[in-house]
PDB file of N, CA and C in Angstrom:
ATOM      1  N   PRO A   1     114.350 123.726 145.217  1.00  0.00           N
ATOM      2  CA  PRO A   1     114.725 123.968 143.809  1.00  0.00           C
ATOM      3  C   PRO A   1     115.528 122.799 143.245  1.00  0.00           C
ATOM      4  N   GLN A   2     116.455 122.261 144.054  1.00  0.00           N
ATOM      5  CA  GLN A   2     117.292 121.133 143.623  1.00  0.00           C
ATOM      6  C   GLN A   2     116.425 119.933 143.250  1.00  0.00           C
ATOM      7  N   GLN A   3     115.421 119.655 144.078  1.00  0.00           N
ATOM      8  CA  GLN A   3     114.539 118.510 143.867  1.00  0.00           C
ATOM      9  C   GLN A   3     113.801 118.624 142.529  1.00  0.00           C
ATOM     10  N   THR A   4     113.309 119.817 142.211  1.00  0.00           N
ATOM     11  CA  THR A   4     112.569 120.027 140.972  1.00  0.00           C
ATOM     12  C   THR A   4     113.456 119.766 139.761  1.00  0.00           C
ATOM     13  N   ASP A   5     114.680 120.251 139.800  1.00  0.00           N
ATOM     14  CA  ASP A   5     115.606 120.030 138.691  1.00  0.00           C
ATOM     15  C   ASP A   5     115.846 118.538 138.490  1.00  0.00           C
ATOM     16  N   LEU A   6     116.018 117.835 139.595  1.00  0.00           N
ATOM     17  CA  LEU A   6     116.294 116.410 139.536  1.00  0.00           C
ATOM     18  C   LEU A   6     115.118 115.649 138.923  1.00  0.00           C
ATOM     19  N   SER A   7     113.898 115.956 139.370  1.00  0.00           N
ATOM     20  CA  SER A   7     112.740 115.242 138.827  1.00  0.00           C
ATOM     21  C   SER A   7     112.549 115.573 137.356  1.00  0.00           C
ATOM     22  N   GLY A   8     112.830 116.812 136.962  1.00  0.00           N
ATOM     23  CA  GLY A   8     112.753 117.187 135.553  1.00  0.00           C
ATOM     24  C   GLY A   8     113.761 116.408 134.732  1.00  0.00           C
ATOM     25  N   HIS A   9     114.956 116.271 135.279  1.00  0.00           N
ATOM     26  CA  HIS A   9     116.012 115.515 134.592  1.00  0.00           C
ATOM     27  C   HIS A   9     115.575 114.068 134.383  1.00  0.00           C
ATOM     28  N   PHE A  10     115.058 113.445 135.450  1.00  0.00           N
ATOM     29  CA  PHE A  10     114.641 112.050 135.335  1.00  0.00           C
ATOM     30  C   PHE A  10     113.448 111.898 134.403  1.00  0.00           C
ATOM     31  N   GLN A  11     112.562 112.902 134.400  1.00  0.00           N
ATOM     32  CA  GLN A  11     111.419 112.854 133.493  1.00  0.00           C
ATOM     33  C   GLN A  11     111.913 112.862 132.048  1.00  0.00           C
ATOM     34  N   ARG A  12     112.882 113.721 131.751  1.00  0.00           N
ATOM     35  CA  ARG A  12     113.421 113.781 130.389  1.00  0.00           C
ATOM     36  C   ARG A  12     114.121 112.480 130.021  1.00  0.00           C
ATOM     37  N   GLN A  13     114.906 111.938 130.952  1.00  0.00           N
ATOM     38  CA  GLN A  13     115.610 110.687 130.689  1.00  0.00           C
ATOM     39  C   GLN A  13     114.619 109.546 130.453  1.00  0.00           C
ATOM     40  N   THR A  14     113.564 109.506 131.258  1.00  0.00           N
ATOM     41  CA  THR A  14     112.547 108.462 131.112  1.00  0.00           C
ATOM     42  C   THR A  14     111.862 108.576 129.763  1.00  0.00           C
ATOM     43  N   THR A  15     111.536 109.808 129.369  1.00  0.00           N
ATOM     44  CA  THR A  15     110.893 110.026 128.071  1.00  0.00           C
ATOM     45  C   THR A  15     111.802 109.566 126.944  1.00  0.00           C
ATOM     46  N   ARG A  16     113.085 109.917 127.021  1.00  0.00           N
ATOM     47  CA  ARG A  16     114.032 109.501 125.988  1.00  0.00           C
ATOM     48  C   ARG A  16     114.141 107.984 125.932  1.00  0.00           C
ATOM     49  N   LEU A  17     114.180 107.355 127.094  1.00  0.00           N
ATOM     50  CA  LEU A  17     114.293 105.897 127.145  1.00  0.00           C
ATOM     51  C   LEU A  17     113.069 105.236 126.521  1.00  0.00           C
ATOM     52  N   LEU A  18     111.871 105.731 126.867  1.00  0.00           N
ATOM     53  CA  LEU A  18     110.654 105.148 126.313  1.00  0.00           C
ATOM     54  C   LEU A  18     110.595 105.337 124.802  1.00  0.00           C
ATOM     55  N   GLU A  19     110.998 106.513 124.323  1.00  0.00           N
ATOM     56  CA  GLU A  19     111.011 106.744 122.878  1.00  0.00           C
ATOM     57  C   GLU A  19     111.970 105.772 122.197  1.00  0.00           C
ATOM     58  N   HIS A  20     113.127 105.560 122.816  1.00  0.00           N
ATOM     59  CA  HIS A  20     114.110 104.636 122.252  1.00  0.00           C
ATOM     60  C   HIS A  20     113.559 103.207 122.233  1.00  0.00           C
ATOM     61  N   LEU A  21     112.948 102.782 123.344  1.00  0.00           N
ATOM     62  CA  LEU A  21     112.387 101.432 123.405  1.00  0.00           C
ATOM     63  C   LEU A  21     111.305 101.239 122.353  1.00  0.00           C
ATOM     64  N   ASN A  22     110.437 102.235 122.193  1.00  0.00           N
ATOM     65  CA  ASN A  22     109.384 102.139 121.179  1.00  0.00           C
ATOM     66  C   ASN A  22     109.986 102.032 119.787  1.00  0.00           C
ATOM     67  N   HIS A  23     111.029 102.818 119.545  1.00  0.00           N
ATOM     68  CA  HIS A  23     111.700 102.786 118.244  1.00  0.00           C
ATOM     69  C   HIS A  23     112.288 101.396 117.980  1.00  0.00           C
ATOM     70  N   VAL A  24     112.995 100.862 118.952  1.00  0.00           N
ATOM     71  CA  VAL A  24     113.609  99.541 118.802  1.00  0.00           C
ATOM     72  C   VAL A  24     112.539  98.479 118.568  1.00  0.00           C
ATOM     73  N   GLN A  25     111.447  98.569 119.320  1.00  0.00           N
ATOM     74  CA  GLN A  25     110.375  97.579 119.174  1.00  0.00           C
ATOM     75  C   GLN A  25     109.744  97.667 117.786  1.00  0.00           C
ATOM     76  N   ASP A  26     109.545  98.883 117.282  1.00  0.00           N
ATOM     77  CA  ASP A  26     108.985  99.051 115.938  1.00  0.00           C
ATOM     78  C   ASP A  26     109.902  98.438 114.889  1.00  0.00           C
ATOM     79  N   ILE A  27     111.199  98.729 114.985  1.00  0.00           N
ATOM     80  CA  ILE A  27     112.165  98.198 114.026  1.00  0.00           C
ATOM     81  C   ILE A  27     112.170  96.673 114.092  1.00  0.00           C
ATOM     82  N   TRP A  28     112.172  96.138 115.317  1.00  0.00           N
ATOM     83  CA  TRP A  28     112.202  94.682 115.476  1.00  0.00           C
ATOM     84  C   TRP A  28     110.956  94.059 114.862  1.00  0.00           C
ATOM     85  N   SER A  29     109.800  94.666 115.103  1.00  0.00           N
ATOM     86  CA  SER A  29     108.553  94.127 114.559  1.00  0.00           C
ATOM     87  C   SER A  29     108.571  94.126 113.039  1.00  0.00           C
ATOM     88  N   GLN A  30     109.028  95.234 112.444  1.00  0.00           N
ATOM     89  CA  GLN A  30     109.099  95.312 110.983  1.00  0.00           C
ATOM     90  C   GLN A  30     110.046  94.246 110.445  1.00  0.00           C
ATOM     91  N   ASP A  31     111.191  94.105 111.095  1.00  0.00           N
ATOM     92  CA  ASP A  31     112.190  93.135 110.665  1.00  0.00           C
ATOM     93  C   ASP A  31     111.635  91.718 110.791  1.00  0.00           C
ATOM     94  N   TYR A  32     110.964  91.438 111.898  1.00  0.00           N
ATOM     95  CA  TYR A  32     110.390  90.112 112.117  1.00  0.00           C
ATOM     96  C   TYR A  32     109.342  89.802 111.061  1.00  0.00           C
ATOM     97  N   GLN A  33     108.445  90.758 110.805  1.00  0.00           N
ATOM     98  CA  GLN A  33     107.386  90.535 109.824  1.00  0.00           C
ATOM     99  C   GLN A  33     107.959  90.351 108.426  1.00  0.00           C
ATOM    100  N   ALA A  34     109.056  91.042 108.134  1.00  0.00           N
ATOM    101  CA  ALA A  34     109.681  90.905 106.820  1.00  0.00           C
ATOM    102  C   ALA A  34     110.219  89.487 106.619  1.00  0.00           C
ATOM    103  N   HIS A  35     110.732  88.886 107.697  1.00  0.00           N
ATOM    104  CA  HIS A  35     111.322  87.557 107.591  1.00  0.00           C
ATOM    105  C   HIS A  35     110.343  86.442 107.932  1.00  0.00           C
ATOM    106  N   HIS A  36     109.198  86.781 108.510  1.00  0.00           N
ATOM    107  CA  HIS A  36     108.195  85.784 108.871  1.00  0.00           C
ATOM    108  C   HIS A  36     106.833  86.219 108.344  1.00  0.00           C
ATOM    109  N   PRO A  37     106.638  86.135 107.035  1.00  0.00           N
ATOM    110  CA  PRO A  37     105.338  86.524 106.487  1.00  0.00           C
ATOM    111  C   PRO A  37     104.243  85.649 107.085  1.00  0.00           C
ATOM    112  N   PRO A  38     103.058  86.213 107.275  1.00  0.00           N
ATOM    113  CA  PRO A  38     101.976  85.432 107.892  1.00  0.00           C
ATOM    114  C   PRO A  38     101.648  84.197 107.070  1.00  0.00           C
ATOM    115  N   GLN A  39     101.495  83.087 107.737  1.00  0.00           N
ATOM    116  CA  GLN A  39     101.182  81.825 107.071  1.00  0.00           C
ATOM    117  C   GLN A  39      99.705  81.825 106.699  1.00  0.00           C
ATOM    118  N   GLN A  40      99.427  81.539 105.447  1.00  0.00           N
ATOM    119  CA  GLN A  40      98.040  81.550 104.999  1.00  0.00           C
ATOM    120  C   GLN A  40      97.274  80.344 105.535  1.00  0.00           C
ATOM    121  N   SER A  41      97.875  79.152 105.439  1.00  0.00           N
ATOM    122  CA  SER A  41      97.106  77.954 105.758  1.00  0.00           C
ATOM    123  C   SER A  41      97.692  77.186 106.933  1.00  0.00           C
ATOM    124  N   ALA A  42      98.065  77.902 107.986  1.00  0.00           N
ATOM    125  CA  ALA A  42      98.425  77.201 109.216  1.00  0.00           C
ATOM    126  C   ALA A  42      97.111  76.897 109.920  1.00  0.00           C
ATOM    127  N   SER A  43      96.437  75.867 109.424  1.00  0.00           N
ATOM    128  CA  SER A  43      95.067  75.578 109.852  1.00  0.00           C
ATOM    129  C   SER A  43      95.038  74.936 111.235  1.00  0.00           C
ATOM    130  N   ASP A  44      93.851  74.888 111.795  1.00  0.00           N
ATOM    131  CA  ASP A  44      93.668  74.227 113.084  1.00  0.00           C
ATOM    132  C   ASP A  44      94.021  72.746 112.985  1.00  0.00           C
ATOM    133  N   ASP A  45      93.693  72.127 111.841  1.00  0.00           N
ATOM    134  CA  ASP A  45      94.011  70.712 111.651  1.00  0.00           C
ATOM    135  C   ASP A  45      95.515  70.479 111.725  1.00  0.00           C
ATOM    136  N   GLU A  46      96.259  71.358 111.056  1.00  0.00           N
ATOM    137  CA  GLU A  46      97.709  71.216 111.065  1.00  0.00           C
ATOM    138  C   GLU A  46      98.249  71.403 112.476  1.00  0.00           C
ATOM    139  N   MET A  47      97.704  72.381 113.185  1.00  0.00           N
ATOM    140  CA  MET A  47      98.114  72.616 114.562  1.00  0.00           C
ATOM    141  C   MET A  47      97.826  71.386 115.419  1.00  0.00           C
ATOM    142  N   ASP A  48      96.642  70.786 115.229  1.00  0.00           N
ATOM    143  CA  ASP A  48      96.293  69.573 115.974  1.00  0.00           C
ATOM    144  C   ASP A  48      97.282  68.447 115.692  1.00  0.00           C
ATOM    145  N   ARG A  49      97.675  68.286 114.425  1.00  0.00           N
ATOM    146  CA  ARG A  49      98.637  67.239 114.075  1.00  0.00           C
ATOM    147  C   ARG A  49      99.974  67.475 114.770  1.00  0.00           C
ATOM    148  N   GLU A  50     100.415  68.732 114.797  1.00  0.00           N
ATOM    149  CA  GLU A  50     101.691  69.022 115.450  1.00  0.00           C
ATOM    150  C   GLU A  50     101.615  68.741 116.942  1.00  0.00           C
ATOM    151  N   ILE A  51     100.502  69.129 117.553  1.00  0.00           N
ATOM    152  CA  ILE A  51     100.333  68.882 118.987  1.00  0.00           C
ATOM    153  C   ILE A  51     100.303  67.380 119.268  1.00  0.00           C
ATOM    154  N   ASP A  52      99.564  66.638 118.438  1.00  0.00           N
ATOM    155  CA  ASP A  52      99.503  65.182 118.612  1.00  0.00           C
ATOM    156  C   ASP A  52     100.885  64.550 118.470  1.00  0.00           C
ATOM    157  N   ALA A  53     101.646  64.997 117.469  1.00  0.00           N
ATOM    158  CA  ALA A  53     102.983  64.441 117.250  1.00  0.00           C
ATOM    159  C   ALA A  53     103.879  64.723 118.452  1.00  0.00           C
ATOM    160  N   THR A  54     103.798  65.945 118.980  1.00  0.00           N
ATOM    161  CA  THR A  54     104.599  66.300 120.146  1.00  0.00           C
ATOM    162  C   THR A  54     104.183  65.468 121.351  1.00  0.00           C
ATOM    163  N   PHE A  55     102.872  65.300 121.511  1.00  0.00           N
ATOM    164  CA  PHE A  55     102.357  64.509 122.628  1.00  0.00           C
ATOM    165  C   PHE A  55     102.827  63.063 122.523  1.00  0.00           C
ATOM    166  N   ASP A  56     102.744  62.498 121.311  1.00  0.00           N
ATOM    167  CA  ASP A  56     103.197  61.122 121.095  1.00  0.00           C
ATOM    168  C   ASP A  56     104.681  60.989 121.416  1.00  0.00           C
ATOM    169  N   TYR A  57     105.460  61.994 121.010  1.00  0.00           N
ATOM    170  CA  TYR A  57     106.897  61.948 121.259  1.00  0.00           C
ATOM    171  C   TYR A  57     107.184  61.983 122.756  1.00  0.00           C
ATOM    172  N   CYS A  58     106.404  62.792 123.480  1.00  0.00           N
ATOM    173  CA  CYS A  58     106.666  62.984 124.908  1.00  0.00           C
ATOM    174  C   CYS A  58     106.060  61.891 125.777  1.00  0.00           C
ATOM    175  N   THR A  59     105.241  61.030 125.197  1.00  0.00           N
ATOM    176  CA  THR A  59     104.589  59.970 125.969  1.00  0.00           C
ATOM    177  C   THR A  59     105.099  58.619 125.486  1.00  0.00           C
ATOM    178  N   ALA A  60     105.893  57.981 126.320  1.00  0.00           N
ATOM    179  CA  ALA A  60     106.460  56.687 125.932  1.00  0.00           C
ATOM    180  C   ALA A  60     105.396  55.595 126.018  1.00  0.00           C
ATOM    181  N   PRO A  61     105.559  54.506 125.237  1.00  0.00           N
ATOM    182  CA  PRO A  61     104.572  53.414 125.208  1.00  0.00           C
ATOM    183  C   PRO A  61     104.338  52.767 126.573  1.00  0.00           C
ATOM    184  N   ASP A  62     105.365  52.725 127.422  1.00  0.00           N
ATOM    185  CA  ASP A  62     105.195  52.043 128.706  1.00  0.00           C
ATOM    186  C   ASP A  62     104.519  52.929 129.753  1.00  0.00           C
ATOM    187  N   GLY A  63     104.134  54.130 129.357  1.00  0.00           N
ATOM    188  CA  GLY A  63     103.405  54.983 130.282  1.00  0.00           C
ATOM    189  C   GLY A  63     104.272  56.007 130.998  1.00  0.00           C
ATOM    190  N   SER A  64     105.604  55.876 130.883  1.00  0.00           N
ATOM    191  CA  SER A  64     106.447  56.898 131.489  1.00  0.00           C
ATOM    192  C   SER A  64     106.329  58.177 130.671  1.00  0.00           C
ATOM    193  N   SER A  65     106.629  59.311 131.282  1.00  0.00           N
ATOM    194  CA  SER A  65     106.278  60.568 130.633  1.00  0.00           C
ATOM    195  C   SER A  65     107.350  61.100 129.690  1.00  0.00           C
ATOM    196  N   ALA A  66     108.600  60.679 129.848  1.00  0.00           N
ATOM    197  CA  ALA A  66     109.647  61.255 129.009  1.00  0.00           C
ATOM    198  C   ALA A  66     110.411  60.164 128.265  1.00  0.00           C
ATOM    199  N   PRO A  67     110.758  60.421 127.002  1.00  0.00           N
ATOM    200  CA  PRO A  67     111.549  59.427 126.261  1.00  0.00           C
ATOM    201  C   PRO A  67     112.923  59.258 126.901  1.00  0.00           C
ATOM    202  N   GLY A  68     113.319  58.016 127.143  1.00  0.00           N
ATOM    203  CA  GLY A  68     114.627  57.769 127.730  1.00  0.00           C
ATOM    204  C   GLY A  68     114.668  58.002 129.225  1.00  0.00           C
ATOM    205  N   GLY A  69     113.604  58.545 129.799  1.00  0.00           N
ATOM    206  CA  GLY A  69     113.597  58.794 131.233  1.00  0.00           C
ATOM    207  C   GLY A  69     113.272  57.536 132.005  1.00  0.00           C
ATOM    208  N   GLN A  70     113.912  57.358 133.160  1.00  0.00           N
ATOM    209  CA  GLN A  70     113.645  56.146 133.943  1.00  0.00           C
ATOM    210  C   GLN A  70     113.229  56.500 135.351  1.00  0.00           C
TER     211      GLN A  70
END
């Protein structure tokens, strides 16, 4: 009998925890979307330019892989 009560207790606690986590995640998602509206024209070309710029920054002219690294 003791074991059954314990598992019931943990089942209820787990359910409450999952409901709370789902609630927090929903609120966070709404808040994030409110502050980060979807970008209409974040095109592939723009993404390619950003990647190229990052790659250029990370690749020094002398062939070493990091700026300032020796």
